[in-house]
Amino acid sequence: MPFLVPSSTELMAATIESLRRHRIVIWGKHGVMARSDVSIKRAADRVEYAETAAKYEYLNLSAGEGGEGLSADELRLICKTFGVQQAFF
């Protein structure tokens, strides 16, 4: 999400709307919020996964090696293989 003032009603409303569509929301220049229909632990795990991915991306960039990530075709194949329904790719 783009930057919104911390603790503002605008941030709250945008977060609620975003969490209706996504399991984790990254607040521009502020932090993250995650949800889970299973447990609070599952939501916390999602935050930790995002932090770990960001750490490794930072290390790659610091070493002068930008990560190329998965292609759209590779992501589609993974989703098809594991039966993940999604609307991004």
PDB file of N, CA and C in Angstrom:
ATOM      1  N   MET A   1       0.840  -1.168   0.000  1.00  0.00           N
ATOM      2  CA  MET A   1       0.000   0.000   0.000  1.00  0.00           C
ATOM      3  C   MET A   1       0.888   1.235   0.000  1.00  0.00           C
ATOM      4  N   PRO A   2       0.437   2.300  -0.575  1.00  0.00           N
ATOM      5  CA  PRO A   2       1.216   3.542  -0.524  1.00  0.00           C
ATOM      6  C   PRO A   2       1.255   4.073   0.903  1.00  0.00           C
ATOM      7  N   PHE A   3       2.173   4.994   1.161  1.00  0.00           N
ATOM      8  CA  PHE A   3       2.292   5.580   2.493  1.00  0.00           C
ATOM      9  C   PHE A   3       0.995   6.266   2.890  1.00  0.00           C
ATOM     10  N   LEU A   4       0.557   5.983   4.087  1.00  0.00           N
ATOM     11  CA  LEU A   4      -0.544   6.695   4.721  1.00  0.00           C
ATOM     12  C   LEU A   4      -0.100   6.981   6.151  1.00  0.00           C
ATOM     13  N   VAL A   5      -0.600   8.024   6.743  1.00  0.00           N
ATOM     14  CA  VAL A   5      -0.171   8.432   8.077  1.00  0.00           C
ATOM     15  C   VAL A   5      -0.467   7.320   9.085  1.00  0.00           C
ATOM     16  N   PRO A   6       0.553   6.910   9.868  1.00  0.00           N
ATOM     17  CA  PRO A   6       0.329   5.881  10.887  1.00  0.00           C
ATOM     18  C   PRO A   6      -0.794   6.275  11.848  1.00  0.00           C
ATOM     19  N   SER A   7      -1.606   5.294  12.202  1.00  0.00           N
ATOM     20  CA  SER A   7      -2.731   5.448  13.142  1.00  0.00           C
ATOM     21  C   SER A   7      -3.886   6.267  12.577  1.00  0.00           C
ATOM     22  N   SER A   8      -3.842   6.597  11.297  1.00  0.00           N
ATOM     23  CA  SER A   8      -4.914   7.403  10.719  1.00  0.00           C
ATOM     24  C   SER A   8      -6.104   6.526  10.320  1.00  0.00           C
ATOM     25  N   THR A   9      -7.259   7.151  10.212  1.00  0.00           N
ATOM     26  CA  THR A   9      -8.442   6.420   9.759  1.00  0.00           C
ATOM     27  C   THR A   9      -8.277   5.985   8.301  1.00  0.00           C
ATOM     28  N   GLU A  10      -7.489   6.740   7.524  1.00  0.00           N
ATOM     29  CA  GLU A  10      -7.237   6.360   6.129  1.00  0.00           C
ATOM     30  C   GLU A  10      -6.421   5.064   6.065  1.00  0.00           C
ATOM     31  N   LEU A  11      -5.406   4.956   6.926  1.00  0.00           N
ATOM     32  CA  LEU A  11      -4.605   3.731   6.968  1.00  0.00           C
ATOM     33  C   LEU A  11      -5.466   2.554   7.405  1.00  0.00           C
ATOM     34  N   MET A  12      -6.298   2.760   8.405  1.00  0.00           N
ATOM     35  CA  MET A  12      -7.177   1.699   8.889  1.00  0.00           C
ATOM     36  C   MET A  12      -8.110   1.219   7.785  1.00  0.00           C
ATOM     37  N   ALA A  13      -8.766   2.143   7.103  1.00  0.00           N
ATOM     38  CA  ALA A  13      -9.716   1.774   6.061  1.00  0.00           C
ATOM     39  C   ALA A  13      -9.021   1.067   4.894  1.00  0.00           C
ATOM     40  N   ALA A  14      -7.882   1.573   4.481  1.00  0.00           N
ATOM     41  CA  ALA A  14      -7.153   0.956   3.372  1.00  0.00           C
ATOM     42  C   ALA A  14      -6.647  -0.435   3.751  1.00  0.00           C
ATOM     43  N   THR A  15      -6.225  -0.600   5.004  1.00  0.00           N
ATOM     44  CA  THR A  15      -5.748  -1.903   5.468  1.00  0.00           C
ATOM     45  C   THR A  15      -6.878  -2.917   5.493  1.00  0.00           C
ATOM     46  N   ILE A  16      -8.013  -2.531   6.016  1.00  0.00           N
ATOM     47  CA  ILE A  16      -9.168  -3.433   6.058  1.00  0.00           C
ATOM     48  C   ILE A  16      -9.546  -3.869   4.650  1.00  0.00           C
ATOM     49  N   GLU A  17      -9.605  -2.921   3.733  1.00  0.00           N
ATOM     50  CA  GLU A  17      -9.962  -3.248   2.350  1.00  0.00           C
ATOM     51  C   GLU A  17      -8.931  -4.167   1.715  1.00  0.00           C
ATOM     52  N   SER A  18      -7.661  -3.891   1.939  1.00  0.00           N
ATOM     53  CA  SER A  18      -6.599  -4.717   1.357  1.00  0.00           C
ATOM     54  C   SER A  18      -6.594  -6.129   1.943  1.00  0.00           C
ATOM     55  N   LEU A  19      -6.832  -6.243   3.256  1.00  0.00           N
ATOM     56  CA  LEU A  19      -6.835  -7.558   3.890  1.00  0.00           C
ATOM     57  C   LEU A  19      -8.047  -8.400   3.487  1.00  0.00           C
ATOM     58  N   ARG A  20      -9.042  -7.799   2.920  1.00  0.00           N
ATOM     59  CA  ARG A  20     -10.164  -8.571   2.364  1.00  0.00           C
ATOM     60  C   ARG A  20      -9.729  -9.346   1.122  1.00  0.00           C
ATOM     61  N   ARG A  21      -8.718  -8.820   0.422  1.00  0.00           N
ATOM     62  CA  ARG A  21      -8.240  -9.439  -0.819  1.00  0.00           C
ATOM     63  C   ARG A  21      -6.919 -10.176  -0.667  1.00  0.00           C
ATOM     64  N   HIS A  22      -6.115  -9.827   0.344  1.00  0.00           N
ATOM     65  CA  HIS A  22      -4.773 -10.388   0.506  1.00  0.00           C
ATOM     66  C   HIS A  22      -4.563 -10.869   1.937  1.00  0.00           C
ATOM     67  N   ARG A  23      -3.649 -11.820   2.103  1.00  0.00           N
ATOM     68  CA  ARG A  23      -3.350 -12.336   3.444  1.00  0.00           C
ATOM     69  C   ARG A  23      -2.296 -11.524   4.174  1.00  0.00           C
ATOM     70  N   ILE A  24      -1.531 -10.750   3.438  1.00  0.00           N
ATOM     71  CA  ILE A  24      -0.522  -9.877   4.056  1.00  0.00           C
ATOM     72  C   ILE A  24      -0.496  -8.561   3.279  1.00  0.00           C
ATOM     73  N   VAL A  25      -0.366  -7.476   4.017  1.00  0.00           N
ATOM     74  CA  VAL A  25      -0.326  -6.141   3.423  1.00  0.00           C
ATOM     75  C   VAL A  25       0.963  -5.474   3.885  1.00  0.00           C
ATOM     76  N   ILE A  26       1.672  -4.878   2.950  1.00  0.00           N
ATOM     77  CA  ILE A  26       2.885  -4.140   3.280  1.00  0.00           C
ATOM     78  C   ILE A  26       2.554  -2.656   3.215  1.00  0.00           C
ATOM     79  N   TRP A  27       2.716  -2.000   4.331  1.00  0.00           N
ATOM     80  CA  TRP A  27       2.475  -0.561   4.401  1.00  0.00           C
ATOM     81  C   TRP A  27       3.718   0.173   3.924  1.00  0.00           C
ATOM     82  N   GLY A  28       3.582   1.056   2.957  1.00  0.00           N
ATOM     83  CA  GLY A  28       4.719   1.836   2.471  1.00  0.00           C
ATOM     84  C   GLY A  28       5.371   2.620   3.593  1.00  0.00           C
ATOM     85  N   LYS A  29       6.661   2.410   3.811  1.00  0.00           N
ATOM     86  CA  LYS A  29       7.482   3.130   4.784  1.00  0.00           C
ATOM     87  C   LYS A  29       6.981   2.981   6.217  1.00  0.00           C
ATOM     88  N   HIS A  30       6.339   1.847   6.529  1.00  0.00           N
ATOM     89  CA  HIS A  30       5.786   1.732   7.872  1.00  0.00           C
ATOM     90  C   HIS A  30       5.875   0.323   8.453  1.00  0.00           C
ATOM     91  N   GLY A  31       5.366  -0.681   7.785  1.00  0.00           N
ATOM     92  CA  GLY A  31       5.362  -2.028   8.350  1.00  0.00           C
ATOM     93  C   GLY A  31       4.447  -2.952   7.579  1.00  0.00           C
ATOM     94  N   VAL A  32       3.980  -3.987   8.259  1.00  0.00           N
ATOM     95  CA  VAL A  32       3.102  -4.966   7.622  1.00  0.00           C
ATOM     96  C   VAL A  32       1.948  -5.327   8.546  1.00  0.00           C
ATOM     97  N   MET A  33       0.928  -5.922   7.953  1.00  0.00           N
ATOM     98  CA  MET A  33      -0.202  -6.475   8.697  1.00  0.00           C
ATOM     99  C   MET A  33      -0.567  -7.770   7.980  1.00  0.00           C
ATOM    100  N   ALA A  34      -0.847  -8.814   8.736  1.00  0.00           N
ATOM    101  CA  ALA A  34      -1.210 -10.103   8.139  1.00  0.00           C
ATOM    102  C   ALA A  34      -2.479 -10.616   8.787  1.00  0.00           C
ATOM    103  N   ARG A  35      -3.151 -11.518   8.074  1.00  0.00           N
ATOM    104  CA  ARG A  35      -4.359 -12.153   8.612  1.00  0.00           C
ATOM    105  C   ARG A  35      -4.317 -13.637   8.303  1.00  0.00           C
ATOM    106  N   SER A  36      -5.094 -14.381   9.044  1.00  0.00           N
ATOM    107  CA  SER A  36      -5.252 -15.812   8.791  1.00  0.00           C
ATOM    108  C   SER A  36      -6.609 -16.233   9.317  1.00  0.00           C
ATOM    109  N   ASP A  37      -7.270 -17.097   8.574  1.00  0.00           N
ATOM    110  CA  ASP A  37      -8.538 -17.662   9.024  1.00  0.00           C
ATOM    111  C   ASP A  37      -8.305 -18.880   9.912  1.00  0.00           C
ATOM    112  N   VAL A  38      -7.030 -19.286  10.059  1.00  0.00           N
ATOM    113  CA  VAL A  38      -6.685 -20.482  10.825  1.00  0.00           C
ATOM    114  C   VAL A  38      -6.255 -20.136  12.247  1.00  0.00           C
ATOM    115  N   SER A  39      -5.258 -19.247  12.378  1.00  0.00           N
ATOM    116  CA  SER A  39      -4.741 -18.923  13.710  1.00  0.00           C
ATOM    117  C   SER A  39      -3.878 -17.670  13.658  1.00  0.00           C
ATOM    118  N   ILE A  40      -3.668 -17.081  14.824  1.00  0.00           N
ATOM    119  CA  ILE A  40      -2.780 -15.930  14.930  1.00  0.00           C
ATOM    120  C   ILE A  40      -1.350 -16.344  14.605  1.00  0.00           C
ATOM    121  N   LYS A  41      -0.992 -17.576  14.937  1.00  0.00           N
ATOM    122  CA  LYS A  41       0.348 -18.076  14.627  1.00  0.00           C
ATOM    123  C   LYS A  41       0.575 -18.109  13.119  1.00  0.00           C
ATOM    124  N   ARG A  42      -0.431 -18.515  12.378  1.00  0.00           N
ATOM    125  CA  ARG A  42      -0.306 -18.543  10.909  1.00  0.00           C
ATOM    126  C   ARG A  42      -0.084 -17.134  10.371  1.00  0.00           C
ATOM    127  N   ALA A  43      -0.784 -16.157  10.910  1.00  0.00           N
ATOM    128  CA  ALA A  43      -0.587 -14.769  10.481  1.00  0.00           C
ATOM    129  C   ALA A  43       0.831 -14.296  10.822  1.00  0.00           C
ATOM    130  N   ALA A  44       1.306 -14.632  12.014  1.00  0.00           N
ATOM    131  CA  ALA A  44       2.665 -14.252  12.406  1.00  0.00           C
ATOM    132  C   ALA A  44       3.701 -14.925  11.511  1.00  0.00           C
ATOM    133  N   ASP A  45       3.454 -16.183  11.143  1.00  0.00           N
ATOM    134  CA  ASP A  45       4.364 -16.881  10.226  1.00  0.00           C
ATOM    135  C   ASP A  45       4.463 -16.140   8.899  1.00  0.00           C
ATOM    136  N   ARG A  46       3.363 -15.640   8.410  1.00  0.00           N
ATOM    137  CA  ARG A  46       3.378 -14.915   7.137  1.00  0.00           C
ATOM    138  C   ARG A  46       4.253 -13.675   7.215  1.00  0.00           C
ATOM    139  N   VAL A  47       4.198 -12.982   8.346  1.00  0.00           N
ATOM    140  CA  VAL A  47       5.053 -11.805   8.528  1.00  0.00           C
ATOM    141  C   VAL A  47       6.521 -12.239   8.529  1.00  0.00           C
ATOM    142  N   GLU A  48       6.821 -13.324   9.222  1.00  0.00           N
ATOM    143  CA  GLU A  48       8.209 -13.808   9.260  1.00  0.00           C
ATOM    144  C   GLU A  48       8.697 -14.240   7.881  1.00  0.00           C
ATOM    145  N   TYR A  49       7.845 -14.873   7.087  1.00  0.00           N
ATOM    146  CA  TYR A  49       8.234 -15.259   5.720  1.00  0.00           C
ATOM    147  C   TYR A  49       8.570 -14.019   4.897  1.00  0.00           C
ATOM    148  N   ALA A  50       7.740 -12.989   5.013  1.00  0.00           N
ATOM    149  CA  ALA A  50       7.983 -11.755   4.257  1.00  0.00           C
ATOM    150  C   ALA A  50       9.282 -11.092   4.711  1.00  0.00           C
ATOM    151  N   GLU A  51       9.525 -11.074   6.030  1.00  0.00           N
ATOM    152  CA  GLU A  51      10.766 -10.487   6.544  1.00  0.00           C
ATOM    153  C   GLU A  51      11.988 -11.247   6.049  1.00  0.00           C
ATOM    154  N   THR A  52      11.916 -12.563   6.043  1.00  0.00           N
ATOM    155  CA  THR A  52      13.042 -13.373   5.578  1.00  0.00           C
ATOM    156  C   THR A  52      13.304 -13.141   4.101  1.00  0.00           C
ATOM    157  N   ALA A  53      12.245 -13.104   3.302  1.00  0.00           N
ATOM    158  CA  ALA A  53      12.411 -12.851   1.872  1.00  0.00           C
ATOM    159  C   ALA A  53      13.029 -11.474   1.640  1.00  0.00           C
ATOM    160  N   ALA A  54      12.582 -10.473   2.393  1.00  0.00           N
ATOM    161  CA  ALA A  54      13.128  -9.123   2.248  1.00  0.00           C
ATOM    162  C   ALA A  54      14.605  -9.091   2.644  1.00  0.00           C
ATOM    163  N   LYS A  55      14.962  -9.826   3.696  1.00  0.00           N
ATOM    164  CA  LYS A  55      16.360  -9.868   4.131  1.00  0.00           C
ATOM    165  C   LYS A  55      17.256 -10.430   3.032  1.00  0.00           C
ATOM    166  N   TYR A  56      16.835 -11.537   2.429  1.00  0.00           N
ATOM    167  CA  TYR A  56      17.663 -12.137   1.381  1.00  0.00           C
ATOM    168  C   TYR A  56      17.717 -11.266   0.135  1.00  0.00           C
ATOM    169  N   GLU A  57      16.639 -10.601  -0.178  1.00  0.00           N
ATOM    170  CA  GLU A  57      16.665  -9.682  -1.323  1.00  0.00           C
ATOM    171  C   GLU A  57      17.623  -8.527  -1.036  1.00  0.00           C
ATOM    172  N   TYR A  58      17.586  -8.010   0.180  1.00  0.00           N
ATOM    173  CA  TYR A  58      18.510  -6.942   0.576  1.00  0.00           C
ATOM    174  C   TYR A  58      19.962  -7.413   0.449  1.00  0.00           C
ATOM    175  N   LEU A  59      20.248  -8.620   0.945  1.00  0.00           N
ATOM    176  CA  LEU A  59      21.611  -9.146   0.847  1.00  0.00           C
ATOM    177  C   LEU A  59      22.043  -9.291  -0.611  1.00  0.00           C
ATOM    178  N   ASN A  60      21.156  -9.758  -1.463  1.00  0.00           N
ATOM    179  CA  ASN A  60      21.475  -9.869  -2.898  1.00  0.00           C
ATOM    180  C   ASN A  60      21.770  -8.497  -3.492  1.00  0.00           C
ATOM    181  N   LEU A  61      20.938  -7.521  -3.188  1.00  0.00           N
ATOM    182  CA  LEU A  61      21.149  -6.174  -3.722  1.00  0.00           C
ATOM    183  C   LEU A  61      22.442  -5.568  -3.186  1.00  0.00           C
ATOM    184  N   SER A  62      22.745  -5.822  -1.910  1.00  0.00           N
ATOM    185  CA  SER A  62      23.990  -5.311  -1.317  1.00  0.00           C
ATOM    186  C   SER A  62      25.217  -5.902  -1.999  1.00  0.00           C
ATOM    187  N   ALA A  63      25.076  -7.134  -2.486  1.00  0.00           N
ATOM    188  CA  ALA A  63      26.181  -7.807  -3.173  1.00  0.00           C
ATOM    189  C   ALA A  63      26.202  -7.470  -4.664  1.00  0.00           C
ATOM    190  N   GLY A  64      25.325  -6.581  -5.097  1.00  0.00           N
ATOM    191  CA  GLY A  64      25.276  -6.183  -6.493  1.00  0.00           C
ATOM    192  C   GLY A  64      24.571  -7.170  -7.393  1.00  0.00           C
ATOM    193  N   GLU A  65      23.796  -8.056  -6.805  1.00  0.00           N
ATOM    194  CA  GLU A  65      23.078  -9.071  -7.585  1.00  0.00           C
ATOM    195  C   GLU A  65      21.583  -8.945  -7.349  1.00  0.00           C
ATOM    196  N   GLY A  66      20.901  -8.257  -8.233  1.00  0.00           N
ATOM    197  CA  GLY A  66      19.455  -8.170  -8.116  1.00  0.00           C
ATOM    198  C   GLY A  66      18.811  -9.496  -8.452  1.00  0.00           C
ATOM    199  N   GLY A  67      17.863  -9.913  -7.634  1.00  0.00           N
ATOM    200  CA  GLY A  67      17.168 -11.165  -7.898  1.00  0.00           C
ATOM    201  C   GLY A  67      16.187 -11.000  -9.042  1.00  0.00           C
ATOM    202  N   GLU A  68      16.110 -12.006  -9.894  1.00  0.00           N
ATOM    203  CA  GLU A  68      15.173 -11.911 -11.012  1.00  0.00           C
ATOM    204  C   GLU A  68      13.817 -12.501 -10.674  1.00  0.00           C
ATOM    205  N   GLY A  69      13.746 -13.329  -9.646  1.00  0.00           N
ATOM    206  CA  GLY A  69      12.466 -13.895  -9.232  1.00  0.00           C
ATOM    207  C   GLY A  69      11.923 -14.908 -10.230  1.00  0.00           C
ATOM    208  N   LEU A  70      10.719 -15.345  -9.958  1.00  0.00           N
ATOM    209  CA  LEU A  70      10.045 -16.310 -10.828  1.00  0.00           C
ATOM    210  C   LEU A  70       9.308 -15.590 -11.938  1.00  0.00           C
ATOM    211  N   SER A  71       9.271 -16.199 -13.108  1.00  0.00           N
ATOM    212  CA  SER A  71       8.518 -15.614 -14.215  1.00  0.00           C
ATOM    213  C   SER A  71       7.032 -15.879 -14.004  1.00  0.00           C
ATOM    214  N   ALA A  72       6.211 -15.171 -14.744  1.00  0.00           N
ATOM    215  CA  ALA A  72       4.763 -15.385 -14.659  1.00  0.00           C
ATOM    216  C   ALA A  72       4.411 -16.826 -15.021  1.00  0.00           C
ATOM    217  N   ASP A  73       5.077 -17.389 -16.036  1.00  0.00           N
ATOM    218  CA  ASP A  73       4.827 -18.784 -16.416  1.00  0.00           C
ATOM    219  C   ASP A  73       5.211 -19.751 -15.300  1.00  0.00           C
ATOM    220  N   GLU A  74       6.327 -19.487 -14.627  1.00  0.00           N
ATOM    221  CA  GLU A  74       6.751 -20.342 -13.520  1.00  0.00           C
ATOM    222  C   GLU A  74       5.755 -20.268 -12.363  1.00  0.00           C
ATOM    223  N   LEU A  75       5.265 -19.070 -12.083  1.00  0.00           N
ATOM    224  CA  LEU A  75       4.266 -18.920 -11.023  1.00  0.00           C
ATOM    225  C   LEU A  75       2.956 -19.634 -11.373  1.00  0.00           C
ATOM    226  N   ARG A  76       2.533 -19.528 -12.626  1.00  0.00           N
ATOM    227  CA  ARG A  76       1.325 -20.240 -13.068  1.00  0.00           C
ATOM    228  C   ARG A  76       1.479 -21.743 -12.893  1.00  0.00           C
ATOM    229  N   LEU A  77       2.653 -22.264 -13.254  1.00  0.00           N
ATOM    230  CA  LEU A  77       2.914 -23.695 -13.140  1.00  0.00           C
ATOM    231  C   LEU A  77       2.881 -24.145 -11.676  1.00  0.00           C
ATOM    232  N   ILE A  78       3.479 -23.378 -10.801  1.00  0.00           N
ATOM    233  CA  ILE A  78       3.452 -23.717  -9.374  1.00  0.00           C
ATOM    234  C   ILE A  78       2.012 -23.718  -8.870  1.00  0.00           C
ATOM    235  N   CYS A  79       1.249 -22.704  -9.230  1.00  0.00           N
ATOM    236  CA  CYS A  79      -0.153 -22.626  -8.795  1.00  0.00           C
ATOM    237  C   CYS A  79      -0.966 -23.796  -9.336  1.00  0.00           C
ATOM    238  N   LYS A  80      -0.761 -24.144 -10.583  1.00  0.00           N
ATOM    239  CA  LYS A  80      -1.477 -25.270 -11.184  1.00  0.00           C
ATOM    240  C   LYS A  80      -1.102 -26.579 -10.476  1.00  0.00           C
ATOM    241  N   THR A  81       0.180 -26.770 -10.236  1.00  0.00           N
ATOM    242  CA  THR A  81       0.661 -28.001  -9.603  1.00  0.00           C
ATOM    243  C   THR A  81       0.071 -28.191  -8.210  1.00  0.00           C
ATOM    244  N   PHE A  82      -0.032 -27.109  -7.440  1.00  0.00           N
ATOM    245  CA  PHE A  82      -0.497 -27.214  -6.060  1.00  0.00           C
ATOM    246  C   PHE A  82      -1.960 -26.799  -5.878  1.00  0.00           C
ATOM    247  N   GLY A  83      -2.658 -26.554  -6.985  1.00  0.00           N
ATOM    248  CA  GLY A  83      -4.078 -26.221  -6.906  1.00  0.00           C
ATOM    249  C   GLY A  83      -4.363 -24.884  -6.233  1.00  0.00           C
ATOM    250  N   VAL A  84      -3.452 -23.926  -6.412  1.00  0.00           N
ATOM    251  CA  VAL A  84      -3.630 -22.615  -5.817  1.00  0.00           C
ATOM    252  C   VAL A  84      -4.458 -21.759  -6.770  1.00  0.00           C
ATOM    253  N   GLN A  85      -5.622 -21.326  -6.304  1.00  0.00           N
ATOM    254  CA  GLN A  85      -6.448 -20.452  -7.120  1.00  0.00           C
ATOM    255  C   GLN A  85      -6.030 -19.022  -6.841  1.00  0.00           C
ATOM    256  N   GLN A  86      -5.716 -18.298  -7.887  1.00  0.00           N
ATOM    257  CA  GLN A  86      -5.256 -16.923  -7.735  1.00  0.00           C
ATOM    258  C   GLN A  86      -5.672 -16.132  -8.960  1.00  0.00           C
ATOM    259  N   ALA A  87      -5.613 -14.812  -8.846  1.00  0.00           N
ATOM    260  CA  ALA A  87      -6.057 -13.949  -9.941  1.00  0.00           C
ATOM    261  C   ALA A  87      -4.963 -12.988 -10.397  1.00  0.00           C
ATOM    262  N   PHE A  88      -3.711 -13.285 -10.033  1.00  0.00           N
ATOM    263  CA  PHE A  88      -2.636 -12.367 -10.387  1.00  0.00           C
ATOM    264  C   PHE A  88      -1.965 -12.728 -11.695  1.00  0.00           C
ATOM    265  N   PHE A  89      -1.780 -14.043 -11.950  1.00  0.00           N
ATOM    266  CA  PHE A  89      -1.015 -14.460 -13.131  1.00  0.00           C
ATOM    267  C   PHE A  89      -1.861 -15.308 -14.027  1.00  0.00           C
TER     268      PHE A  89
END
